[in-house]
PDB file of N, CA and C in Angstrom:
ATOM      1  N   MET A   1     -54.615 -34.044  64.849  1.00  0.00           N
ATOM      2  CA  MET A   1     -53.214 -34.328  65.036  1.00  0.00           C
ATOM      3  C   MET A   1     -53.012 -35.668  65.760  1.00  0.00           C
ATOM      4  N   LEU A   2     -53.966 -36.013  66.649  1.00  0.00           N
ATOM      5  CA  LEU A   2     -53.870 -37.303  67.324  1.00  0.00           C
ATOM      6  C   LEU A   2     -53.954 -38.440  66.312  1.00  0.00           C
ATOM      7  N   LEU A   3     -54.905 -38.348  65.383  1.00  0.00           N
ATOM      8  CA  LEU A   3     -55.024 -39.363  64.340  1.00  0.00           C
ATOM      9  C   LEU A   3     -53.753 -39.414  63.502  1.00  0.00           C
ATOM     10  N   PHE A   4     -53.193 -38.272  63.205  1.00  0.00           N
ATOM     11  CA  PHE A   4     -51.970 -38.182  62.405  1.00  0.00           C
ATOM     12  C   PHE A   4     -50.844 -38.989  63.050  1.00  0.00           C
ATOM     13  N   ILE A   5     -50.576 -38.726  64.327  1.00  0.00           N
ATOM     14  CA  ILE A   5     -49.426 -39.370  64.972  1.00  0.00           C
ATOM     15  C   ILE A   5     -49.695 -40.833  65.294  1.00  0.00           C
ATOM     16  N   LEU A   6     -50.937 -41.163  65.652  1.00  0.00           N
ATOM     17  CA  LEU A   6     -51.251 -42.571  65.923  1.00  0.00           C
ATOM     18  C   LEU A   6     -51.178 -43.409  64.648  1.00  0.00           C
ATOM     19  N   LEU A   7     -51.653 -42.864  63.549  1.00  0.00           N
ATOM     20  CA  LEU A   7     -51.560 -43.564  62.268  1.00  0.00           C
ATOM     21  C   LEU A   7     -50.102 -43.762  61.881  1.00  0.00           C
ATOM     22  N   TYR A   8     -49.296 -42.742  62.114  1.00  0.00           N
ATOM     23  CA  TYR A   8     -47.878 -42.844  61.783  1.00  0.00           C
ATOM     24  C   TYR A   8     -47.213 -43.989  62.554  1.00  0.00           C
ATOM     25  N   PHE A   9     -47.468 -44.086  63.847  1.00  0.00           N
ATOM     26  CA  PHE A   9     -46.817 -45.134  64.636  1.00  0.00           C
ATOM     27  C   PHE A   9     -47.471 -46.501  64.456  1.00  0.00           C
ATOM     28  N   LYS A  10     -48.707 -46.535  64.025  1.00  0.00           N
ATOM     29  CA  LYS A  10     -49.375 -47.819  63.817  1.00  0.00           C
ATOM     30  C   LYS A  10     -48.898 -48.505  62.540  1.00  0.00           C
ATOM     31  N   ILE A  11     -48.887 -47.753  61.419  1.00  0.00           N
ATOM     32  CA  ILE A  11     -48.520 -48.391  60.150  1.00  0.00           C
ATOM     33  C   ILE A  11     -47.176 -47.915  59.603  1.00  0.00           C
ATOM     34  N   TYR A  12     -46.605 -46.887  60.216  1.00  0.00           N
ATOM     35  CA  TYR A  12     -45.281 -46.370  59.871  1.00  0.00           C
ATOM     36  C   TYR A  12     -45.098 -46.179  58.365  1.00  0.00           C
ATOM     37  N   PRO A  13     -45.944 -45.343  57.742  1.00  0.00           N
ATOM     38  CA  PRO A  13     -45.794 -45.102  56.307  1.00  0.00           C
ATOM     39  C   PRO A  13     -44.626 -44.159  56.027  1.00  0.00           C
ATOM     40  N   LEU A  14     -44.240 -44.076  54.778  1.00  0.00           N
ATOM     41  CA  LEU A  14     -43.257 -43.068  54.393  1.00  0.00           C
ATOM     42  C   LEU A  14     -43.824 -41.698  54.722  1.00  0.00           C
ATOM     43  N   GLN A  15     -42.968 -40.780  55.057  1.00  0.00           N
ATOM     44  CA  GLN A  15     -43.443 -39.444  55.416  1.00  0.00           C
ATOM     45  C   GLN A  15     -44.152 -38.775  54.246  1.00  0.00           C
ATOM     46  N   GLU A  16     -43.748 -39.089  53.045  1.00  0.00           N
ATOM     47  CA  GLU A  16     -44.414 -38.530  51.867  1.00  0.00           C
ATOM     48  C   GLU A  16     -45.851 -39.048  51.772  1.00  0.00           C
ATOM     49  N   VAL A  17     -46.040 -40.326  52.065  1.00  0.00           N
ATOM     50  CA  VAL A  17     -47.378 -40.913  52.063  1.00  0.00           C
ATOM     51  C   VAL A  17     -48.199 -40.307  53.201  1.00  0.00           C
ATOM     52  N   GLN A  18     -47.598 -40.204  54.370  1.00  0.00           N
ATOM     53  CA  GLN A  18     -48.285 -39.608  55.520  1.00  0.00           C
ATOM     54  C   GLN A  18     -48.732 -38.179  55.193  1.00  0.00           C
ATOM     55  N   GLY A  19     -47.869 -37.421  54.578  1.00  0.00           N
ATOM     56  CA  GLY A  19     -48.210 -36.061  54.199  1.00  0.00           C
ATOM     57  C   GLY A  19     -49.349 -36.016  53.201  1.00  0.00           C
ATOM     58  N   THR A  20     -49.303 -36.897  52.212  1.00  0.00           N
ATOM     59  CA  THR A  20     -50.361 -36.950  51.208  1.00  0.00           C
ATOM     60  C   THR A  20     -51.704 -37.288  51.843  1.00  0.00           C
ATOM     61  N   LEU A  21     -51.701 -38.226  52.781  1.00  0.00           N
ATOM     62  CA  LEU A  21     -52.939 -38.612  53.456  1.00  0.00           C
ATOM     63  C   LEU A  21     -53.574 -37.445  54.205  1.00  0.00           C
ATOM     64  N   PHE A  22     -52.740 -36.541  54.706  1.00  0.00           N
ATOM     65  CA  PHE A  22     -53.232 -35.424  55.511  1.00  0.00           C
ATOM     66  C   PHE A  22     -53.108 -34.080  54.807  1.00  0.00           C
ATOM     67  N   GLY A  23     -52.868 -34.113  53.495  1.00  0.00           N
ATOM     68  CA  GLY A  23     -52.848 -32.880  52.717  1.00  0.00           C
ATOM     69  C   GLY A  23     -51.696 -31.954  53.026  1.00  0.00           C
ATOM     70  N   MET A  24     -50.508 -32.496  53.180  1.00  0.00           N
ATOM     71  CA  MET A  24     -49.334 -31.667  53.454  1.00  0.00           C
ATOM     72  C   MET A  24     -48.126 -32.250  52.733  1.00  0.00           C
ATOM     73  N   SER A  25     -47.049 -31.496  52.699  1.00  0.00           N
ATOM     74  CA  SER A  25     -45.823 -31.972  52.053  1.00  0.00           C
ATOM     75  C   SER A  25     -45.081 -32.922  52.986  1.00  0.00           C
ATOM     76  N   GLN A  26     -44.076 -33.571  52.428  1.00  0.00           N
ATOM     77  CA  GLN A  26     -43.248 -34.477  53.234  1.00  0.00           C
ATOM     78  C   GLN A  26     -42.549 -33.716  54.346  1.00  0.00           C
ATOM     79  N   GLY A  27     -42.081 -32.527  54.053  1.00  0.00           N
ATOM     80  CA  GLY A  27     -41.401 -31.705  55.066  1.00  0.00           C
ATOM     81  C   GLY A  27     -42.322 -31.320  56.213  1.00  0.00           C
ATOM     82  N   GLN A  28     -43.559 -30.950  55.870  1.00  0.00           N
ATOM     83  CA  GLN A  28     -44.527 -30.617  56.918  1.00  0.00           C
ATOM     84  C   GLN A  28     -44.864 -31.840  57.759  1.00  0.00           C
ATOM     85  N   ALA A  29     -44.995 -33.002  57.091  1.00  0.00           N
ATOM     86  CA  ALA A  29     -45.277 -34.244  57.825  1.00  0.00           C
ATOM     87  C   ALA A  29     -44.137 -34.539  58.794  1.00  0.00           C
ATOM     88  N   ASN A  30     -42.901 -34.357  58.341  1.00  0.00           N
ATOM     89  CA  ASN A  30     -41.748 -34.580  59.206  1.00  0.00           C
ATOM     90  C   ASN A  30     -41.785 -33.635  60.403  1.00  0.00           C
ATOM     91  N   ASP A  31     -42.096 -32.359  60.168  1.00  0.00           N
ATOM     92  CA  ASP A  31     -42.177 -31.391  61.264  1.00  0.00           C
ATOM     93  C   ASP A  31     -43.216 -31.821  62.301  1.00  0.00           C
ATOM     94  N   TRP A  32     -44.395 -32.219  61.828  1.00  0.00           N
ATOM     95  CA  TRP A  32     -45.451 -32.627  62.762  1.00  0.00           C
ATOM     96  C   TRP A  32     -45.078 -33.897  63.516  1.00  0.00           C
ATOM     97  N   ILE A  33     -44.406 -34.828  62.848  1.00  0.00           N
ATOM     98  CA  ILE A  33     -43.969 -36.056  63.530  1.00  0.00           C
ATOM     99  C   ILE A  33     -42.983 -35.699  64.642  1.00  0.00           C
ATOM    100  N   GLN A  34     -42.042 -34.792  64.333  1.00  0.00           N
ATOM    101  CA  GLN A  34     -41.050 -34.379  65.328  1.00  0.00           C
ATOM    102  C   GLN A  34     -41.699 -33.641  66.495  1.00  0.00           C
ATOM    103  N   ARG A  35     -42.742 -32.860  66.231  1.00  0.00           N
ATOM    104  CA  ARG A  35     -43.423 -32.113  67.294  1.00  0.00           C
ATOM    105  C   ARG A  35     -44.319 -32.999  68.148  1.00  0.00           C
ATOM    106  N   LEU A  36     -45.016 -33.930  67.504  1.00  0.00           N
ATOM    107  CA  LEU A  36     -46.037 -34.712  68.206  1.00  0.00           C
ATOM    108  C   LEU A  36     -45.488 -35.945  68.928  1.00  0.00           C
ATOM    109  N   THR A  37     -44.359 -36.476  68.485  1.00  0.00           N
ATOM    110  CA  THR A  37     -43.803 -37.675  69.119  1.00  0.00           C
ATOM    111  C   THR A  37     -43.510 -37.461  70.605  1.00  0.00           C
ATOM    112  N   PRO A  38     -42.835 -36.379  71.009  1.00  0.00           N
ATOM    113  CA  PRO A  38     -42.596 -36.187  72.447  1.00  0.00           C
ATOM    114  C   PRO A  38     -43.890 -36.011  73.245  1.00  0.00           C
ATOM    115  N   ILE A  39     -44.873 -35.354  72.648  1.00  0.00           N
ATOM    116  CA  ILE A  39     -46.153 -35.162  73.334  1.00  0.00           C
ATOM    117  C   ILE A  39     -46.839 -36.510  73.557  1.00  0.00           C
ATOM    118  N   LEU A  40     -46.816 -37.365  72.533  1.00  0.00           N
ATOM    119  CA  LEU A  40     -47.408 -38.697  72.659  1.00  0.00           C
ATOM    120  C   LEU A  40     -46.673 -39.514  73.716  1.00  0.00           C
ATOM    121  N   GLN A  41     -45.354 -39.436  73.740  1.00  0.00           N
ATOM    122  CA  GLN A  41     -44.581 -40.185  74.729  1.00  0.00           C
ATOM    123  C   GLN A  41     -44.899 -39.735  76.145  1.00  0.00           C
ATOM    124  N   VAL A  42     -45.055 -38.440  76.361  1.00  0.00           N
ATOM    125  CA  VAL A  42     -45.407 -37.929  77.688  1.00  0.00           C
ATOM    126  C   VAL A  42     -46.784 -38.428  78.095  1.00  0.00           C
ATOM    127  N   ALA A  43     -47.741 -38.378  77.169  1.00  0.00           N
ATOM    128  CA  ALA A  43     -49.101 -38.836  77.469  1.00  0.00           C
ATOM    129  C   ALA A  43     -49.123 -40.327  77.808  1.00  0.00           C
ATOM    130  N   LEU A  44     -48.379 -41.126  77.050  1.00  0.00           N
ATOM    131  CA  LEU A  44     -48.325 -42.566  77.325  1.00  0.00           C
ATOM    132  C   LEU A  44     -47.623 -42.855  78.648  1.00  0.00           C
ATOM    133  N   LYS A  45     -46.609 -42.062  78.964  1.00  0.00           N
ATOM    134  CA  LYS A  45     -45.895 -42.251  80.224  1.00  0.00           C
ATOM    135  C   LYS A  45     -46.797 -41.927  81.416  1.00  0.00           C
ATOM    136  N   GLU A  46     -47.608 -40.873  81.304  1.00  0.00           N
ATOM    137  CA  GLU A  46     -48.530 -40.510  82.385  1.00  0.00           C
ATOM    138  C   GLU A  46     -49.537 -41.616  82.658  1.00  0.00           C
ATOM    139  N   LYS A  47     -49.942 -42.311  81.619  1.00  0.00           N
ATOM    140  CA  LYS A  47     -50.915 -43.402  81.761  1.00  0.00           C
ATOM    141  C   LYS A  47     -50.234 -44.754  81.970  1.00  0.00           C
ATOM    142  N   ALA A  48     -48.907 -44.747  82.093  1.00  0.00           N
ATOM    143  CA  ALA A  48     -48.116 -45.972  82.277  1.00  0.00           C
ATOM    144  C   ALA A  48     -48.370 -46.962  81.140  1.00  0.00           C
ATOM    145  N   LEU A  49     -48.384 -46.462  79.913  1.00  0.00           N
ATOM    146  CA  LEU A  49     -48.652 -47.299  78.755  1.00  0.00           C
ATOM    147  C   LEU A  49     -47.463 -47.402  77.802  1.00  0.00           C
ATOM    148  N   LEU A  50     -46.321 -46.882  78.205  1.00  0.00           N
ATOM    149  CA  LEU A  50     -45.141 -47.015  77.362  1.00  0.00           C
ATOM    150  C   LEU A  50     -44.684 -48.467  77.357  1.00  0.00           C
ATOM    151  N   PRO A  51     -44.185 -48.971  76.230  1.00  0.00           N
ATOM    152  CA  PRO A  51     -43.687 -50.346  76.205  1.00  0.00           C
ATOM    153  C   PRO A  51     -42.439 -50.489  77.070  1.00  0.00           C
ATOM    154  N   GLU A  52     -42.306 -51.643  77.689  1.00  0.00           N
ATOM    155  CA  GLU A  52     -41.128 -51.896  78.528  1.00  0.00           C
ATOM    156  C   GLU A  52     -39.920 -52.177  77.658  1.00  0.00           C
ATOM    157  N   ARG A  53     -38.790 -51.637  78.036  1.00  0.00           N
ATOM    158  CA  ARG A  53     -37.556 -51.844  77.290  1.00  0.00           C
ATOM    159  C   ARG A  53     -36.572 -52.731  78.061  1.00  0.00           C
ATOM    160  N   GLU A  54     -36.802 -52.887  79.356  1.00  0.00           N
ATOM    161  CA  GLU A  54     -35.909 -53.670  80.192  1.00  0.00           C
ATOM    162  C   GLU A  54     -36.525 -55.033  80.478  1.00  0.00           C
ATOM    163  N   LEU A  55     -35.776 -56.085  80.255  1.00  0.00           N
ATOM    164  CA  LEU A  55     -36.272 -57.436  80.478  1.00  0.00           C
ATOM    165  C   LEU A  55     -36.632 -57.663  81.942  1.00  0.00           C
ATOM    166  N   ALA A  56     -35.845 -57.141  82.871  1.00  0.00           N
ATOM    167  CA  ALA A  56     -36.121 -57.333  84.301  1.00  0.00           C
ATOM    168  C   ALA A  56     -37.474 -56.726  84.674  1.00  0.00           C
ATOM    169  N   THR A  57     -37.780 -55.574  84.120  1.00  0.00           N
ATOM    170  CA  THR A  57     -39.060 -54.930  84.399  1.00  0.00           C
ATOM    171  C   THR A  57     -40.202 -55.753  83.833  1.00  0.00           C
ATOM    172  N   LEU A  58     -40.018 -56.304  82.650  1.00  0.00           N
ATOM    173  CA  LEU A  58     -41.047 -57.139  82.039  1.00  0.00           C
ATOM    174  C   LEU A  58     -41.305 -58.374  82.892  1.00  0.00           C
ATOM    175  N   GLU A  59     -40.268 -58.992  83.383  1.00  0.00           N
ATOM    176  CA  GLU A  59     -40.430 -60.173  84.240  1.00  0.00           C
ATOM    177  C   GLU A  59     -41.174 -59.805  85.525  1.00  0.00           C
ATOM    178  N   GLN A  60     -40.902 -58.634  86.061  1.00  0.00           N
ATOM    179  CA  GLN A  60     -41.587 -58.169  87.270  1.00  0.00           C
ATOM    180  C   GLN A  60     -43.081 -57.978  86.990  1.00  0.00           C
ATOM    181  N   VAL A  61     -43.410 -57.368  85.863  1.00  0.00           N
ATOM    182  CA  VAL A  61     -44.814 -57.156  85.496  1.00  0.00           C
ATOM    183  C   VAL A  61     -45.518 -58.497  85.314  1.00  0.00           C
ATOM    184  N   LEU A  62     -44.878 -59.413  84.643  1.00  0.00           N
ATOM    185  CA  LEU A  62     -45.489 -60.730  84.428  1.00  0.00           C
ATOM    186  C   LEU A  62     -45.701 -61.469  85.735  1.00  0.00           C
ATOM    187  N   ALA A  63     -44.787 -61.297  86.694  1.00  0.00           N
ATOM    188  CA  ALA A  63     -44.930 -61.955  87.997  1.00  0.00           C
ATOM    189  C   ALA A  63     -46.090 -61.367  88.794  1.00  0.00           C
ATOM    190  N   GLU A  64     -46.357 -60.080  88.645  1.00  0.00           N
ATOM    191  CA  GLU A  64     -47.440 -59.427  89.383  1.00  0.00           C
ATOM    192  C   GLU A  64     -48.811 -59.835  88.881  1.00  0.00           C
ATOM    193  N   TYR A  65     -48.934 -60.083  87.612  1.00  0.00           N
ATOM    194  CA  TYR A  65     -50.230 -60.371  87.010  1.00  0.00           C
ATOM    195  C   TYR A  65     -50.239 -61.783  86.457  1.00  0.00           C
ATOM    196  N   ASP A  66     -50.742 -62.711  87.252  1.00  0.00           N
ATOM    197  CA  ASP A  66     -50.768 -64.096  86.799  1.00  0.00           C
ATOM    198  C   ASP A  66     -51.913 -64.377  85.826  1.00  0.00           C
ATOM    199  N   LEU A  67     -52.817 -63.427  85.648  1.00  0.00           N
ATOM    200  CA  LEU A  67     -53.951 -63.630  84.753  1.00  0.00           C
ATOM    201  C   LEU A  67     -53.715 -63.086  83.343  1.00  0.00           C
ATOM    202  N   LEU A  68     -52.533 -62.534  83.105  1.00  0.00           N
ATOM    203  CA  LEU A  68     -52.247 -62.011  81.774  1.00  0.00           C
ATOM    204  C   LEU A  68     -52.176 -63.147  80.768  1.00  0.00           C
ATOM    205  N   GLU A  69     -52.765 -62.934  79.613  1.00  0.00           N
ATOM    206  CA  GLU A  69     -52.703 -63.920  78.538  1.00  0.00           C
ATOM    207  C   GLU A  69     -52.054 -63.274  77.329  1.00  0.00           C
ATOM    208  N   PHE A  70     -51.238 -64.028  76.648  1.00  0.00           N
ATOM    209  CA  PHE A  70     -50.549 -63.524  75.479  1.00  0.00           C
ATOM    210  C   PHE A  70     -50.787 -64.454  74.315  1.00  0.00           C
ATOM    211  N   THR A  71     -50.808 -63.880  73.141  1.00  0.00           N
ATOM    212  CA  THR A  71     -50.953 -64.650  71.918  1.00  0.00           C
ATOM    213  C   THR A  71     -49.767 -64.327  71.020  1.00  0.00           C
ATOM    214  N   ILE A  72     -49.172 -65.349  70.474  1.00  0.00           N
ATOM    215  CA  ILE A  72     -48.080 -65.147  69.535  1.00  0.00           C
ATOM    216  C   ILE A  72     -48.686 -65.128  68.142  1.00  0.00           C
ATOM    217  N   ASP A  73     -48.492 -64.024  67.461  1.00  0.00           N
ATOM    218  CA  ASP A  73     -49.022 -63.866  66.119  1.00  0.00           C
ATOM    219  C   ASP A  73     -47.875 -64.077  65.153  1.00  0.00           C
ATOM    220  N   GLY A  74     -47.817 -65.246  64.561  1.00  0.00           N
ATOM    221  CA  GLY A  74     -46.718 -65.550  63.663  1.00  0.00           C
ATOM    222  C   GLY A  74     -47.223 -66.114  62.349  1.00  0.00           C
ATOM    223  N   THR A  75     -46.530 -65.797  61.311  1.00  0.00           N
ATOM    224  CA  THR A  75     -46.872 -66.293  59.995  1.00  0.00           C
ATOM    225  C   THR A  75     -45.620 -66.879  59.384  1.00  0.00           C
ATOM    226  N   GLU A  76     -45.755 -68.090  58.862  1.00  0.00           N
ATOM    227  CA  GLU A  76     -44.605 -68.689  58.204  1.00  0.00           C
ATOM    228  C   GLU A  76     -44.408 -68.015  56.868  1.00  0.00           C
ATOM    229  N   ARG A  77     -43.196 -67.648  56.590  1.00  0.00           N
ATOM    230  CA  ARG A  77     -42.890 -66.974  55.340  1.00  0.00           C
ATOM    231  C   ARG A  77     -41.967 -67.835  54.501  1.00  0.00           C
ATOM    232  N   ARG A  78     -42.072 -67.645  53.213  1.00  0.00           N
ATOM    233  CA  ARG A  78     -41.194 -68.386  52.307  1.00  0.00           C
ATOM    234  C   ARG A  78     -39.752 -67.971  52.546  1.00  0.00           C
ATOM    235  N   ARG A  79     -38.883 -68.919  52.404  1.00  0.00           N
ATOM    236  CA  ARG A  79     -37.464 -68.660  52.599  1.00  0.00           C
ATOM    237  C   ARG A  79     -36.708 -69.324  51.469  1.00  0.00           C
ATOM    238  N   GLN A  80     -35.789 -68.596  50.886  1.00  0.00           N
ATOM    239  CA  GLN A  80     -34.983 -69.183  49.839  1.00  0.00           C
ATOM    240  C   GLN A  80     -33.950 -70.090  50.491  1.00  0.00           C
ATOM    241  N   ARG A  81     -34.030 -71.360  50.162  1.00  0.00           N
ATOM    242  CA  ARG A  81     -33.119 -72.319  50.776  1.00  0.00           C
ATOM    243  C   ARG A  81     -31.886 -72.530  49.905  1.00  0.00           C
ATOM    244  N   PRO A  82     -30.809 -72.991  50.512  1.00  0.00           N
ATOM    245  CA  PRO A  82     -29.598 -73.263  49.737  1.00  0.00           C
ATOM    246  C   PRO A  82     -29.828 -74.377  48.713  1.00  0.00           C
ATOM    247  N   LYS A  83     -29.030 -74.412  47.671  1.00  0.00           N
ATOM    248  CA  LYS A  83     -29.147 -75.447  46.630  1.00  0.00           C
ATOM    249  C   LYS A  83     -28.616 -76.791  47.115  1.00  0.00           C
ATOM    250  N   ASP A  84     -27.662 -76.769  48.028  1.00  0.00           N
ATOM    251  CA  ASP A  84     -27.053 -77.990  48.549  1.00  0.00           C
ATOM    252  C   ASP A  84     -28.081 -78.777  49.372  1.00  0.00           C
ATOM    253  N   ASN A  85     -28.282 -80.054  49.032  1.00  0.00           N
ATOM    254  CA  ASN A  85     -29.297 -80.878  49.703  1.00  0.00           C
ATOM    255  C   ASN A  85     -29.061 -81.003  51.204  1.00  0.00           C
ATOM    256  N   ILE A  86     -27.842 -81.129  51.628  1.00  0.00           N
ATOM    257  CA  ILE A  86     -27.550 -81.281  53.058  1.00  0.00           C
ATOM    258  C   ILE A  86     -27.860 -79.977  53.796  1.00  0.00           C
ATOM    259  N   ALA A  87     -27.470 -78.863  53.214  1.00  0.00           N
ATOM    260  CA  ALA A  87     -27.741 -77.560  53.845  1.00  0.00           C
ATOM    261  C   ALA A  87     -29.230 -77.240  53.819  1.00  0.00           C
ATOM    262  N   GLN A  88     -29.975 -77.764  52.824  1.00  0.00           N
ATOM    263  CA  GLN A  88     -31.416 -77.508  52.728  1.00  0.00           C
ATOM    264  C   GLN A  88     -32.176 -78.081  53.912  1.00  0.00           C
ATOM    265  N   LYS A  89     -31.741 -79.203  54.422  1.00  0.00           N
ATOM    266  CA  LYS A  89     -32.463 -79.869  55.510  1.00  0.00           C
ATOM    267  C   LYS A  89     -32.591 -78.987  56.743  1.00  0.00           C
ATOM    268  N   GLU A  90     -31.632 -78.134  56.985  1.00  0.00           N
ATOM    269  CA  GLU A  90     -31.677 -77.245  58.144  1.00  0.00           C
ATOM    270  C   GLU A  90     -32.854 -76.263  58.051  1.00  0.00           C
ATOM    271  N   TYR A  91     -33.235 -75.895  56.826  1.00  0.00           N
ATOM    272  CA  TYR A  91     -34.284 -74.902  56.622  1.00  0.00           C
ATOM    273  C   TYR A  91     -35.626 -75.512  56.233  1.00  0.00           C
ATOM    274  N   TYR A  92     -35.725 -76.838  56.177  1.00  0.00           N
ATOM    275  CA  TYR A  92     -36.961 -77.490  55.752  1.00  0.00           C
ATOM    276  C   TYR A  92     -37.992 -77.457  56.870  1.00  0.00           C
ATOM    277  N   SER A  93     -39.183 -76.933  56.571  1.00  0.00           N
ATOM    278  CA  SER A  93     -40.218 -76.784  57.584  1.00  0.00           C
ATOM    279  C   SER A  93     -41.081 -78.026  57.739  1.00  0.00           C
ATOM    280  N   GLY A  94     -41.005 -78.941  56.797  1.00  0.00           N
ATOM    281  CA  GLY A  94     -41.834 -80.132  56.838  1.00  0.00           C
ATOM    282  C   GLY A  94     -43.053 -80.036  55.935  1.00  0.00           C
ATOM    283  N   LYS A  95     -43.316 -78.873  55.415  1.00  0.00           N
ATOM    284  CA  LYS A  95     -44.463 -78.697  54.532  1.00  0.00           C
ATOM    285  C   LYS A  95     -44.070 -79.052  53.111  1.00  0.00           C
ATOM    286  N   LYS A  96     -45.013 -79.677  52.413  1.00  0.00           N
ATOM    287  CA  LYS A  96     -44.748 -80.072  51.033  1.00  0.00           C
ATOM    288  C   LYS A  96     -45.046 -78.946  50.052  1.00  0.00           C
ATOM    289  N   LYS A  97     -46.132 -78.168  50.332  1.00  0.00           N
ATOM    290  CA  LYS A  97     -46.526 -77.105  49.419  1.00  0.00           C
ATOM    291  C   LYS A  97     -46.810 -75.843  50.226  1.00  0.00           C
ATOM    292  N   PRO A  98     -46.571 -74.687  49.621  1.00  0.00           N
ATOM    293  CA  PRO A  98     -46.901 -73.436  50.327  1.00  0.00           C
ATOM    294  C   PRO A  98     -48.409 -73.247  50.430  1.00  0.00           C
ATOM    295  N   ILE A  99     -48.837 -72.543  51.441  1.00  0.00           N
ATOM    296  CA  ILE A  99     -50.247 -72.213  51.615  1.00  0.00           C
ATOM    297  C   ILE A  99     -50.560 -71.051  50.678  1.00  0.00           C
ATOM    298  N   PRO A 100     -51.618 -71.173  49.858  1.00  0.00           N
ATOM    299  CA  PRO A 100     -51.910 -70.097  48.900  1.00  0.00           C
ATOM    300  C   PRO A 100     -52.368 -68.826  49.572  1.00  0.00           C
TER     301      PRO A 100
END
């Protein structure tokens, strides 16, 4: 059940897919998600591993730990730009060709 709920929150598949992966119907998958989510939240809260939702708290955590390192994982995605040449300039990234 731990693998079930962690997989669900990691890749967030459709409940029908989640059920198929674990040999159950979509309804059963939904029931297990509803049952296991509060248990997972309690366990994460006990270990102080819940994500912060308040900006002030995040700033406090960052101030306490000056050795924390963060990496921004970003990927440039294609964007449909307007046909108007003047409006296109606002969305131009500077690249001539997309990366394959």
